[in-house]
Amino acid sequence: MKSKALGFIVIVLAVAAATAGTAGATTPAVTEVNVDRTIPLPAGAACSFPITIHNEGIRRTTTFFDSSGNVTRTTVVLIGFTQTVTNDLTGASLSTPAAGPAIIEPNGDGTVTTFVPGNDGRIVVPGTGFVYGDVGLIVYTAPEASPFTQLDVLMLTGHYESPDLYLDALCASLS
């Protein structure tokens, strides 16, 4: 009899402990958007020749709240997401997977801290190999209204290159 009572008390305490941390939490808001977007760019806008950028996949945004309803974190994950860039004159194209995640946390002063650990693009040219990549971790502050506009880079690890190098490598590989 005592072992049954003890077992019951252990179960009740375990359930109480498991639910204590979530009692005041608000359920996260999750939205998924199917992305299938084509962006034509004329010669000179990115490369010396006209290109077309095609983004395709799912963008899942999850927003977390505290018990008062204030946003504490937003995550953006790209699922099955591919960006393909095509030289409109030759038909040559290169694709890169993108996944994220991007994690955005408000600082309470009108800025956010954005963390991007993972795959933010890479170019592999058949017969040549790896020519560009942003794979690692970047942490930076940004305006709250524009969380992907870098104000101050706080940490940069892994293999990361500037957007200018990306564009140079991309255009050279497609020419």
N, C-alpha and C. Protein backbone atom coordinates (compact mmCIF):
# COMPACT_ATOMS: atom_id res chain seq x y z
N MET A 1 0.82 -1.19 0.00
CA MET A 1 0.00 0.00 0.00
C MET A 1 0.87 1.26 0.00
N LYS A 2 1.94 1.25 0.83
CA LYS A 2 2.81 2.41 0.89
C LYS A 2 3.50 2.65 -0.44
N SER A 3 3.90 1.60 -1.17
CA SER A 3 4.59 1.78 -2.45
C SER A 3 3.64 2.36 -3.50
N LYS A 4 2.34 1.99 -3.45
CA LYS A 4 1.38 2.58 -4.39
C LYS A 4 1.20 4.06 -4.11
N ALA A 5 1.10 4.42 -2.82
CA ALA A 5 0.94 5.83 -2.44
C ALA A 5 2.18 6.63 -2.83
N LEU A 6 3.34 6.06 -2.58
CA LEU A 6 4.58 6.74 -2.94
C LEU A 6 4.68 6.91 -4.45
N GLY A 7 4.32 5.88 -5.20
CA GLY A 7 4.32 5.96 -6.66
C GLY A 7 3.39 7.05 -7.15
N PHE A 8 2.21 7.15 -6.55
CA PHE A 8 1.24 8.18 -6.92
C PHE A 8 1.79 9.58 -6.65
N ILE A 9 2.43 9.76 -5.50
CA ILE A 9 2.99 11.06 -5.14
C ILE A 9 4.11 11.44 -6.11
N VAL A 10 4.95 10.50 -6.48
CA VAL A 10 6.03 10.76 -7.42
C VAL A 10 5.46 11.20 -8.77
N ILE A 11 4.41 10.53 -9.22
CA ILE A 11 3.78 10.89 -10.51
C ILE A 11 3.18 12.29 -10.43
N VAL A 12 2.46 12.60 -9.35
CA VAL A 12 1.86 13.93 -9.20
C VAL A 12 2.94 15.01 -9.19
N LEU A 13 4.03 14.77 -8.45
CA LEU A 13 5.11 15.75 -8.40
C LEU A 13 5.78 15.92 -9.77
N ALA A 14 5.95 14.83 -10.50
CA ALA A 14 6.56 14.90 -11.83
C ALA A 14 5.68 15.70 -12.78
N VAL A 15 4.37 15.46 -12.75
CA VAL A 15 3.44 16.20 -13.61
C VAL A 15 3.45 17.68 -13.23
N ALA A 16 3.44 17.97 -11.94
CA ALA A 16 3.46 19.36 -11.48
C ALA A 16 4.74 20.06 -11.94
N ALA A 17 5.86 19.38 -11.82
CA ALA A 17 7.13 19.97 -12.24
C ALA A 17 7.16 20.21 -13.74
N ALA A 18 6.61 19.31 -14.51
CA ALA A 18 6.62 19.43 -15.96
C ALA A 18 5.73 20.57 -16.44
N THR A 19 4.66 20.86 -15.72
CA THR A 19 3.73 21.90 -16.17
C THR A 19 3.99 23.24 -15.52
N ALA A 20 4.79 23.32 -14.50
CA ALA A 20 5.00 24.57 -13.76
C ALA A 20 5.60 25.65 -14.64
N GLY A 21 6.54 25.32 -15.48
CA GLY A 21 7.19 26.32 -16.31
C GLY A 21 6.32 26.84 -17.43
N THR A 22 5.27 26.14 -17.81
CA THR A 22 4.45 26.56 -18.93
C THR A 22 3.12 27.14 -18.51
N ALA A 23 2.85 27.22 -17.22
CA ALA A 23 1.55 27.67 -16.74
C ALA A 23 1.23 29.09 -17.21
N GLY A 24 2.21 30.01 -17.19
CA GLY A 24 1.94 31.38 -17.57
C GLY A 24 2.33 31.71 -19.00
N ALA A 25 2.88 30.75 -19.72
CA ALA A 25 3.36 31.01 -21.07
C ALA A 25 2.21 31.12 -22.05
N THR A 26 2.41 31.91 -23.09
CA THR A 26 1.45 32.05 -24.17
C THR A 26 1.92 31.16 -25.31
N THR A 27 0.97 30.52 -25.97
CA THR A 27 1.30 29.64 -27.09
C THR A 27 1.97 30.43 -28.21
N PRO A 28 3.05 29.93 -28.78
CA PRO A 28 3.71 30.64 -29.89
C PRO A 28 2.78 30.73 -31.11
N ALA A 29 2.94 31.80 -31.86
CA ALA A 29 2.21 31.97 -33.12
C ALA A 29 3.09 31.44 -34.25
N VAL A 30 2.54 30.57 -35.08
CA VAL A 30 3.30 29.97 -36.18
C VAL A 30 2.58 30.27 -37.49
N THR A 31 3.34 30.80 -38.45
CA THR A 31 2.79 31.01 -39.79
C THR A 31 3.74 30.37 -40.80
N GLU A 32 3.16 29.75 -41.81
CA GLU A 32 3.94 29.18 -42.90
C GLU A 32 3.47 29.82 -44.20
N VAL A 33 4.44 30.23 -45.01
CA VAL A 33 4.15 30.86 -46.29
C VAL A 33 4.86 30.06 -47.37
N ASN A 34 4.12 29.65 -48.37
CA ASN A 34 4.73 29.02 -49.54
C ASN A 34 5.29 30.13 -50.42
N VAL A 35 6.59 30.05 -50.69
CA VAL A 35 7.26 31.06 -51.49
C VAL A 35 7.54 30.48 -52.87
N ASP A 36 7.12 31.19 -53.88
CA ASP A 36 7.43 30.85 -55.28
C ASP A 36 7.49 32.19 -56.01
N ARG A 37 8.67 32.82 -55.95
CA ARG A 37 8.81 34.18 -56.43
C ARG A 37 9.94 34.29 -57.43
N THR A 38 9.67 34.98 -58.53
CA THR A 38 10.67 35.21 -59.56
C THR A 38 10.96 36.71 -59.62
N ILE A 39 12.25 37.06 -59.62
CA ILE A 39 12.67 38.45 -59.62
C ILE A 39 13.63 38.67 -60.79
N PRO A 40 13.18 39.36 -61.84
CA PRO A 40 14.10 39.67 -62.95
C PRO A 40 14.93 40.92 -62.61
N LEU A 41 16.22 40.88 -62.91
CA LEU A 41 17.10 42.02 -62.70
C LEU A 41 17.78 42.36 -64.02
N PRO A 42 17.70 43.61 -64.45
CA PRO A 42 18.33 43.99 -65.72
C PRO A 42 19.85 44.00 -65.60
N ALA A 43 20.52 44.00 -66.76
CA ALA A 43 21.98 44.08 -66.79
C ALA A 43 22.42 45.32 -66.00
N GLY A 44 23.44 45.13 -65.17
CA GLY A 44 23.96 46.23 -64.38
C GLY A 44 23.37 46.31 -62.98
N ALA A 45 22.22 45.71 -62.75
CA ALA A 45 21.62 45.76 -61.41
C ALA A 45 22.35 44.85 -60.44
N ALA A 46 22.86 43.72 -60.92
CA ALA A 46 23.63 42.80 -60.09
C ALA A 46 24.86 42.32 -60.84
N CYS A 47 24.65 41.84 -62.05
CA CYS A 47 25.73 41.38 -62.93
C CYS A 47 25.74 42.27 -64.18
N SER A 48 26.75 42.10 -65.02
CA SER A 48 26.82 42.89 -66.25
C SER A 48 25.83 42.39 -67.29
N PHE A 49 25.12 41.33 -66.99
CA PHE A 49 24.11 40.75 -67.88
C PHE A 49 22.82 40.59 -67.07
N PRO A 50 21.68 40.48 -67.75
CA PRO A 50 20.42 40.33 -67.01
C PRO A 50 20.34 38.94 -66.37
N ILE A 51 19.80 38.91 -65.15
CA ILE A 51 19.61 37.65 -64.44
C ILE A 51 18.18 37.56 -63.93
N THR A 52 17.78 36.34 -63.63
CA THR A 52 16.49 36.10 -62.99
C THR A 52 16.76 35.29 -61.73
N ILE A 53 16.20 35.73 -60.61
CA ILE A 53 16.33 35.03 -59.34
C ILE A 53 14.99 34.36 -59.06
N HIS A 54 15.03 33.08 -58.74
CA HIS A 54 13.81 32.35 -58.39
C HIS A 54 13.98 31.75 -57.00
N ASN A 55 13.11 32.15 -56.08
CA ASN A 55 13.09 31.62 -54.72
C ASN A 55 11.89 30.70 -54.57
N GLU A 56 12.14 29.51 -54.01
CA GLU A 56 11.04 28.56 -53.84
C GLU A 56 11.24 27.73 -52.58
N GLY A 57 10.15 27.58 -51.83
CA GLY A 57 10.18 26.78 -50.62
C GLY A 57 9.14 27.29 -49.63
N ILE A 58 9.30 26.92 -48.39
CA ILE A 58 8.38 27.32 -47.34
C ILE A 58 9.14 28.15 -46.31
N ARG A 59 8.54 29.28 -45.91
CA ARG A 59 9.11 30.11 -44.85
C ARG A 59 8.19 29.98 -43.63
N ARG A 60 8.73 29.39 -42.55
CA ARG A 60 7.98 29.23 -41.30
C ARG A 60 8.49 30.24 -40.28
N THR A 61 7.57 31.06 -39.79
CA THR A 61 7.90 32.06 -38.78
C THR A 61 7.17 31.69 -37.49
N THR A 62 7.92 31.58 -36.41
CA THR A 62 7.36 31.27 -35.10
C THR A 62 7.69 32.43 -34.17
N THR A 63 6.65 33.00 -33.55
CA THR A 63 6.84 34.11 -32.62
C THR A 63 6.47 33.65 -31.22
N PHE A 64 7.39 33.87 -30.28
CA PHE A 64 7.20 33.45 -28.89
C PHE A 64 6.88 34.68 -28.05
N PHE A 65 6.04 34.49 -27.03
CA PHE A 65 5.58 35.58 -26.18
C PHE A 65 5.80 35.24 -24.72
N ASP A 66 5.94 36.27 -23.89
CA ASP A 66 5.96 36.04 -22.45
C ASP A 66 4.52 36.03 -21.94
N SER A 67 4.33 35.88 -20.64
CA SER A 67 2.98 35.76 -20.08
C SER A 67 2.18 37.05 -20.21
N SER A 68 2.85 38.18 -20.51
CA SER A 68 2.15 39.45 -20.71
C SER A 68 1.83 39.71 -22.18
N GLY A 69 2.25 38.78 -23.06
CA GLY A 69 1.97 38.93 -24.49
C GLY A 69 3.04 39.68 -25.25
N ASN A 70 4.17 39.99 -24.61
CA ASN A 70 5.28 40.66 -25.29
C ASN A 70 6.11 39.65 -26.07
N VAL A 71 6.55 40.04 -27.24
CA VAL A 71 7.38 39.16 -28.06
C VAL A 71 8.73 38.99 -27.38
N THR A 72 9.14 37.73 -27.21
CA THR A 72 10.45 37.44 -26.62
C THR A 72 11.44 36.91 -27.65
N ARG A 73 10.93 36.32 -28.72
CA ARG A 73 11.81 35.75 -29.75
C ARG A 73 10.96 35.44 -30.98
N THR A 74 11.58 35.60 -32.14
CA THR A 74 10.97 35.18 -33.40
C THR A 74 11.99 34.34 -34.13
N THR A 75 11.55 33.19 -34.66
CA THR A 75 12.46 32.37 -35.46
C THR A 75 11.90 32.25 -36.87
N VAL A 76 12.79 32.25 -37.84
CA VAL A 76 12.41 32.07 -39.23
C VAL A 76 13.22 30.88 -39.75
N VAL A 77 12.53 29.88 -40.26
CA VAL A 77 13.17 28.69 -40.81
C VAL A 77 12.69 28.52 -42.25
N LEU A 78 13.61 28.21 -43.13
CA LEU A 78 13.27 27.96 -44.54
C LEU A 78 13.29 26.46 -44.76
N ILE A 79 12.18 25.94 -45.25
CA ILE A 79 12.03 24.49 -45.42
C ILE A 79 12.00 24.17 -46.91
N GLY A 80 12.90 23.28 -47.34
CA GLY A 80 12.95 22.91 -48.75
C GLY A 80 13.15 24.13 -49.64
N PHE A 81 13.92 25.08 -49.16
CA PHE A 81 14.04 26.39 -49.81
C PHE A 81 15.26 26.41 -50.72
N THR A 82 15.06 26.87 -51.94
CA THR A 82 16.15 26.97 -52.91
C THR A 82 16.08 28.32 -53.61
N GLN A 83 17.24 28.92 -53.80
CA GLN A 83 17.34 30.13 -54.61
C GLN A 83 18.15 29.77 -55.86
N THR A 84 17.55 30.03 -57.02
CA THR A 84 18.22 29.76 -58.29
C THR A 84 18.41 31.07 -59.03
N VAL A 85 19.63 31.30 -59.50
CA VAL A 85 19.94 32.51 -60.26
C VAL A 85 20.31 32.06 -61.67
N THR A 86 19.67 32.67 -62.66
CA THR A 86 19.87 32.29 -64.06
C THR A 86 20.37 33.48 -64.87
N ASN A 87 21.40 33.23 -65.69
CA ASN A 87 21.87 34.22 -66.66
C ASN A 87 20.85 34.19 -67.80
N ASP A 88 20.13 35.29 -68.00
CA ASP A 88 19.07 35.33 -69.00
C ASP A 88 19.59 35.21 -70.43
N LEU A 89 20.87 35.54 -70.66
CA LEU A 89 21.42 35.47 -72.01
C LEU A 89 21.87 34.07 -72.39
N THR A 90 22.41 33.32 -71.42
CA THR A 90 22.97 32.00 -71.74
C THR A 90 22.14 30.84 -71.20
N GLY A 91 21.28 31.12 -70.25
CA GLY A 91 20.50 30.06 -69.61
C GLY A 91 21.26 29.34 -68.50
N ALA A 92 22.54 29.70 -68.28
CA ALA A 92 23.32 29.09 -67.20
C ALA A 92 22.69 29.47 -65.86
N SER A 93 22.64 28.50 -64.94
CA SER A 93 22.04 28.81 -63.65
C SER A 93 22.80 28.10 -62.53
N LEU A 94 22.69 28.67 -61.35
CA LEU A 94 23.25 28.09 -60.13
C LEU A 94 22.20 28.17 -59.05
N SER A 95 22.16 27.14 -58.21
CA SER A 95 21.19 27.11 -57.12
C SER A 95 21.90 26.96 -55.79
N THR A 96 21.28 27.49 -54.76
CA THR A 96 21.79 27.33 -53.41
C THR A 96 20.63 27.00 -52.48
N PRO A 97 20.83 26.05 -51.60
CA PRO A 97 19.82 25.83 -50.57
C PRO A 97 19.97 26.92 -49.51
N ALA A 98 18.90 27.24 -48.87
CA ALA A 98 18.94 28.15 -47.72
C ALA A 98 18.03 27.55 -46.67
N ALA A 99 18.43 27.63 -45.42
CA ALA A 99 17.64 26.98 -44.38
C ALA A 99 17.47 27.85 -43.15
N GLY A 100 18.51 28.55 -42.79
CA GLY A 100 18.44 29.30 -41.54
C GLY A 100 18.89 28.40 -40.40
N PRO A 101 18.34 28.61 -39.24
CA PRO A 101 17.27 29.55 -38.92
C PRO A 101 17.82 30.94 -38.71
N ALA A 102 16.92 31.90 -38.65
CA ALA A 102 17.23 33.24 -38.16
C ALA A 102 16.46 33.37 -36.86
N ILE A 103 17.13 33.82 -35.82
CA ILE A 103 16.52 33.98 -34.50
C ILE A 103 16.64 35.45 -34.13
N ILE A 104 15.51 36.07 -33.83
CA ILE A 104 15.47 37.51 -33.59
C ILE A 104 14.93 37.75 -32.18
N GLU A 105 15.71 38.46 -31.37
CA GLU A 105 15.31 38.73 -29.99
C GLU A 105 15.32 40.24 -29.75
N PRO A 106 14.19 40.80 -29.26
CA PRO A 106 14.14 42.24 -29.01
C PRO A 106 15.05 42.64 -27.85
N ASN A 107 15.67 43.82 -27.98
CA ASN A 107 16.56 44.33 -26.93
C ASN A 107 15.86 45.34 -26.02
N GLY A 108 14.65 45.76 -26.38
CA GLY A 108 13.91 46.70 -25.56
C GLY A 108 14.28 48.16 -25.78
N ASP A 109 15.15 48.42 -26.75
CA ASP A 109 15.57 49.80 -27.02
C ASP A 109 15.31 50.20 -28.47
N GLY A 110 14.43 49.46 -29.15
CA GLY A 110 14.16 49.74 -30.56
C GLY A 110 15.04 48.94 -31.50
N THR A 111 15.94 48.12 -30.91
CA THR A 111 16.78 47.25 -31.74
C THR A 111 16.51 45.80 -31.37
N VAL A 112 17.01 44.92 -32.20
CA VAL A 112 16.94 43.48 -31.94
C VAL A 112 18.33 42.92 -32.12
N THR A 113 18.54 41.73 -31.55
CA THR A 113 19.75 40.97 -31.84
C THR A 113 19.31 39.82 -32.72
N THR A 114 19.94 39.69 -33.88
CA THR A 114 19.62 38.65 -34.85
C THR A 114 20.77 37.64 -34.87
N PHE A 115 20.42 36.37 -34.75
CA PHE A 115 21.36 35.26 -34.82
C PHE A 115 21.04 34.46 -36.08
N VAL A 116 22.03 34.20 -36.92
CA VAL A 116 21.82 33.35 -38.09
C VAL A 116 22.87 32.24 -38.03
N PRO A 117 22.51 31.10 -37.39
CA PRO A 117 23.42 29.97 -37.36
C PRO A 117 23.02 28.99 -38.46
N GLY A 118 23.89 28.72 -39.36
CA GLY A 118 23.52 27.72 -40.36
C GLY A 118 23.83 28.15 -41.77
N ASN A 119 23.01 27.66 -42.67
CA ASN A 119 23.25 27.83 -44.09
C ASN A 119 22.51 29.06 -44.60
N ASP A 120 23.26 30.09 -44.94
CA ASP A 120 22.68 31.30 -45.50
C ASP A 120 23.08 31.43 -46.96
N GLY A 121 23.41 30.33 -47.59
CA GLY A 121 23.75 30.33 -49.02
C GLY A 121 25.14 29.80 -49.29
N ARG A 122 25.27 29.09 -50.40
CA ARG A 122 26.57 28.62 -50.86
C ARG A 122 26.49 28.39 -52.37
N ILE A 123 27.62 28.58 -53.03
CA ILE A 123 27.68 28.32 -54.47
C ILE A 123 28.70 27.22 -54.72
N VAL A 124 28.24 26.18 -55.38
CA VAL A 124 29.10 25.09 -55.82
C VAL A 124 28.93 24.97 -57.32
N VAL A 125 30.01 25.17 -58.07
CA VAL A 125 29.96 25.12 -59.53
C VAL A 125 30.42 23.74 -59.98
N PRO A 126 29.57 23.05 -60.76
CA PRO A 126 29.98 21.73 -61.26
C PRO A 126 31.32 21.83 -62.01
N GLY A 127 32.24 20.93 -61.67
CA GLY A 127 33.55 20.91 -62.29
C GLY A 127 34.55 21.85 -61.64
N THR A 128 34.07 22.81 -60.84
CA THR A 128 34.95 23.75 -60.16
C THR A 128 34.95 23.53 -58.66
N GLY A 129 33.76 23.30 -58.11
CA GLY A 129 33.63 23.09 -56.67
C GLY A 129 33.09 24.31 -55.96
N PHE A 130 33.40 24.38 -54.68
CA PHE A 130 32.90 25.44 -53.81
C PHE A 130 33.53 26.77 -54.20
N VAL A 131 32.70 27.79 -54.46
CA VAL A 131 33.25 29.11 -54.79
C VAL A 131 32.80 30.20 -53.81
N TYR A 132 31.76 29.93 -53.02
CA TYR A 132 31.28 30.94 -52.08
C TYR A 132 30.38 30.28 -51.04
N GLY A 133 30.38 30.83 -49.83
CA GLY A 133 29.45 30.33 -48.84
C GLY A 133 29.34 31.20 -47.61
N ASP A 134 28.15 31.25 -47.08
CA ASP A 134 27.87 31.85 -45.78
C ASP A 134 27.32 30.73 -44.92
N VAL A 135 28.21 30.00 -44.29
CA VAL A 135 27.82 28.87 -43.45
C VAL A 135 28.57 28.98 -42.14
N GLY A 136 27.88 29.27 -41.09
CA GLY A 136 28.49 29.46 -39.79
C GLY A 136 27.52 30.20 -38.91
N LEU A 137 28.00 31.15 -38.13
CA LEU A 137 27.16 31.92 -37.23
C LEU A 137 27.50 33.39 -37.37
N ILE A 138 26.47 34.19 -37.58
CA ILE A 138 26.62 35.64 -37.51
C ILE A 138 25.59 36.14 -36.50
N VAL A 139 26.03 37.03 -35.62
CA VAL A 139 25.16 37.65 -34.62
C VAL A 139 25.35 39.15 -34.76
N TYR A 140 24.25 39.88 -34.90
CA TYR A 140 24.34 41.32 -35.07
C TYR A 140 23.12 42.02 -34.50
N THR A 141 23.27 43.31 -34.24
CA THR A 141 22.12 44.13 -33.86
C THR A 141 21.53 44.73 -35.13
N ALA A 142 20.23 45.02 -35.05
CA ALA A 142 19.51 45.57 -36.19
C ALA A 142 18.35 46.41 -35.68
N PRO A 143 17.82 47.30 -36.53
CA PRO A 143 16.61 48.02 -36.13
C PRO A 143 15.46 47.03 -35.95
N GLU A 144 14.61 47.26 -34.97
CA GLU A 144 13.49 46.36 -34.71
C GLU A 144 12.59 46.21 -35.94
N ALA A 145 12.41 47.29 -36.69
CA ALA A 145 11.55 47.26 -37.86
C ALA A 145 12.21 46.60 -39.07
N SER A 146 13.51 46.36 -39.00
CA SER A 146 14.24 45.77 -40.12
C SER A 146 15.31 44.82 -39.58
N PRO A 147 14.89 43.63 -39.08
CA PRO A 147 15.82 42.76 -38.35
C PRO A 147 16.94 42.14 -39.18
N PHE A 148 16.95 42.34 -40.49
CA PHE A 148 18.02 41.79 -41.31
C PHE A 148 18.95 42.89 -41.84
N THR A 149 18.80 44.10 -41.31
CA THR A 149 19.68 45.22 -41.65
C THR A 149 20.71 45.37 -40.53
N GLN A 150 21.93 44.98 -40.80
CA GLN A 150 22.98 44.95 -39.78
C GLN A 150 23.40 46.35 -39.36
N LEU A 151 23.38 46.57 -38.04
CA LEU A 151 23.93 47.81 -37.48
C LEU A 151 25.33 47.57 -36.94
N ASP A 152 25.48 46.47 -36.18
CA ASP A 152 26.76 46.17 -35.53
C ASP A 152 26.92 44.66 -35.44
N VAL A 153 27.97 44.12 -36.05
CA VAL A 153 28.22 42.69 -35.99
C VAL A 153 28.88 42.37 -34.65
N LEU A 154 28.25 41.46 -33.90
CA LEU A 154 28.74 41.08 -32.58
C LEU A 154 29.60 39.83 -32.61
N MET A 155 29.29 38.90 -33.53
CA MET A 155 30.04 37.65 -33.63
C MET A 155 29.95 37.13 -35.06
N LEU A 156 31.06 36.59 -35.52
CA LEU A 156 31.12 36.04 -36.86
C LEU A 156 32.03 34.82 -36.83
N THR A 157 31.48 33.63 -37.05
CA THR A 157 32.27 32.40 -37.03
C THR A 157 31.93 31.56 -38.25
N GLY A 158 32.74 30.57 -38.52
CA GLY A 158 32.48 29.70 -39.66
C GLY A 158 32.99 30.33 -40.94
N HIS A 159 32.33 30.01 -42.03
CA HIS A 159 32.74 30.54 -43.34
C HIS A 159 31.70 31.58 -43.76
N TYR A 160 32.08 32.85 -43.66
CA TYR A 160 31.18 33.93 -44.00
C TYR A 160 31.93 34.90 -44.90
N GLU A 161 31.25 35.37 -45.94
CA GLU A 161 31.85 36.33 -46.84
C GLU A 161 30.88 37.48 -47.06
N SER A 162 31.39 38.60 -47.44
CA SER A 162 30.54 39.77 -47.64
C SER A 162 29.61 39.55 -48.83
N PRO A 163 28.46 40.24 -48.83
CA PRO A 163 27.54 40.13 -49.97
C PRO A 163 28.19 40.52 -51.29
N ASP A 164 29.17 41.44 -51.26
CA ASP A 164 29.84 41.82 -52.50
C ASP A 164 30.61 40.64 -53.09
N LEU A 165 31.28 39.85 -52.23
CA LEU A 165 32.00 38.68 -52.72
C LEU A 165 31.03 37.66 -53.29
N TYR A 166 29.86 37.53 -52.65
CA TYR A 166 28.83 36.62 -53.16
C TYR A 166 28.44 37.01 -54.57
N LEU A 167 28.16 38.28 -54.75
CA LEU A 167 27.72 38.77 -56.05
C LEU A 167 28.83 38.60 -57.09
N ASP A 168 30.07 38.92 -56.72
CA ASP A 168 31.20 38.73 -57.64
C ASP A 168 31.34 37.27 -58.06
N ALA A 169 31.28 36.34 -57.08
CA ALA A 169 31.43 34.92 -57.38
C ALA A 169 30.26 34.41 -58.22
N LEU A 170 29.08 34.87 -57.88
CA LEU A 170 27.90 34.45 -58.63
C LEU A 170 27.96 34.89 -60.08
N CYS A 171 28.24 36.17 -60.31
CA CYS A 171 28.29 36.69 -61.67
C CYS A 171 29.41 36.04 -62.48
N ALA A 172 30.58 35.87 -61.86
CA ALA A 172 31.70 35.22 -62.57
C ALA A 172 31.35 33.79 -62.93
N SER A 173 30.65 33.09 -62.04
CA SER A 173 30.29 31.69 -62.30
C SER A 173 29.21 31.55 -63.36
N LEU A 174 28.39 32.57 -63.53
CA LEU A 174 27.31 32.50 -64.51
C LEU A 174 27.69 33.09 -65.87
N SER A 175 28.82 33.79 -65.94
CA SER A 175 29.17 34.46 -67.20
C SER A 175 29.67 33.50 -68.26
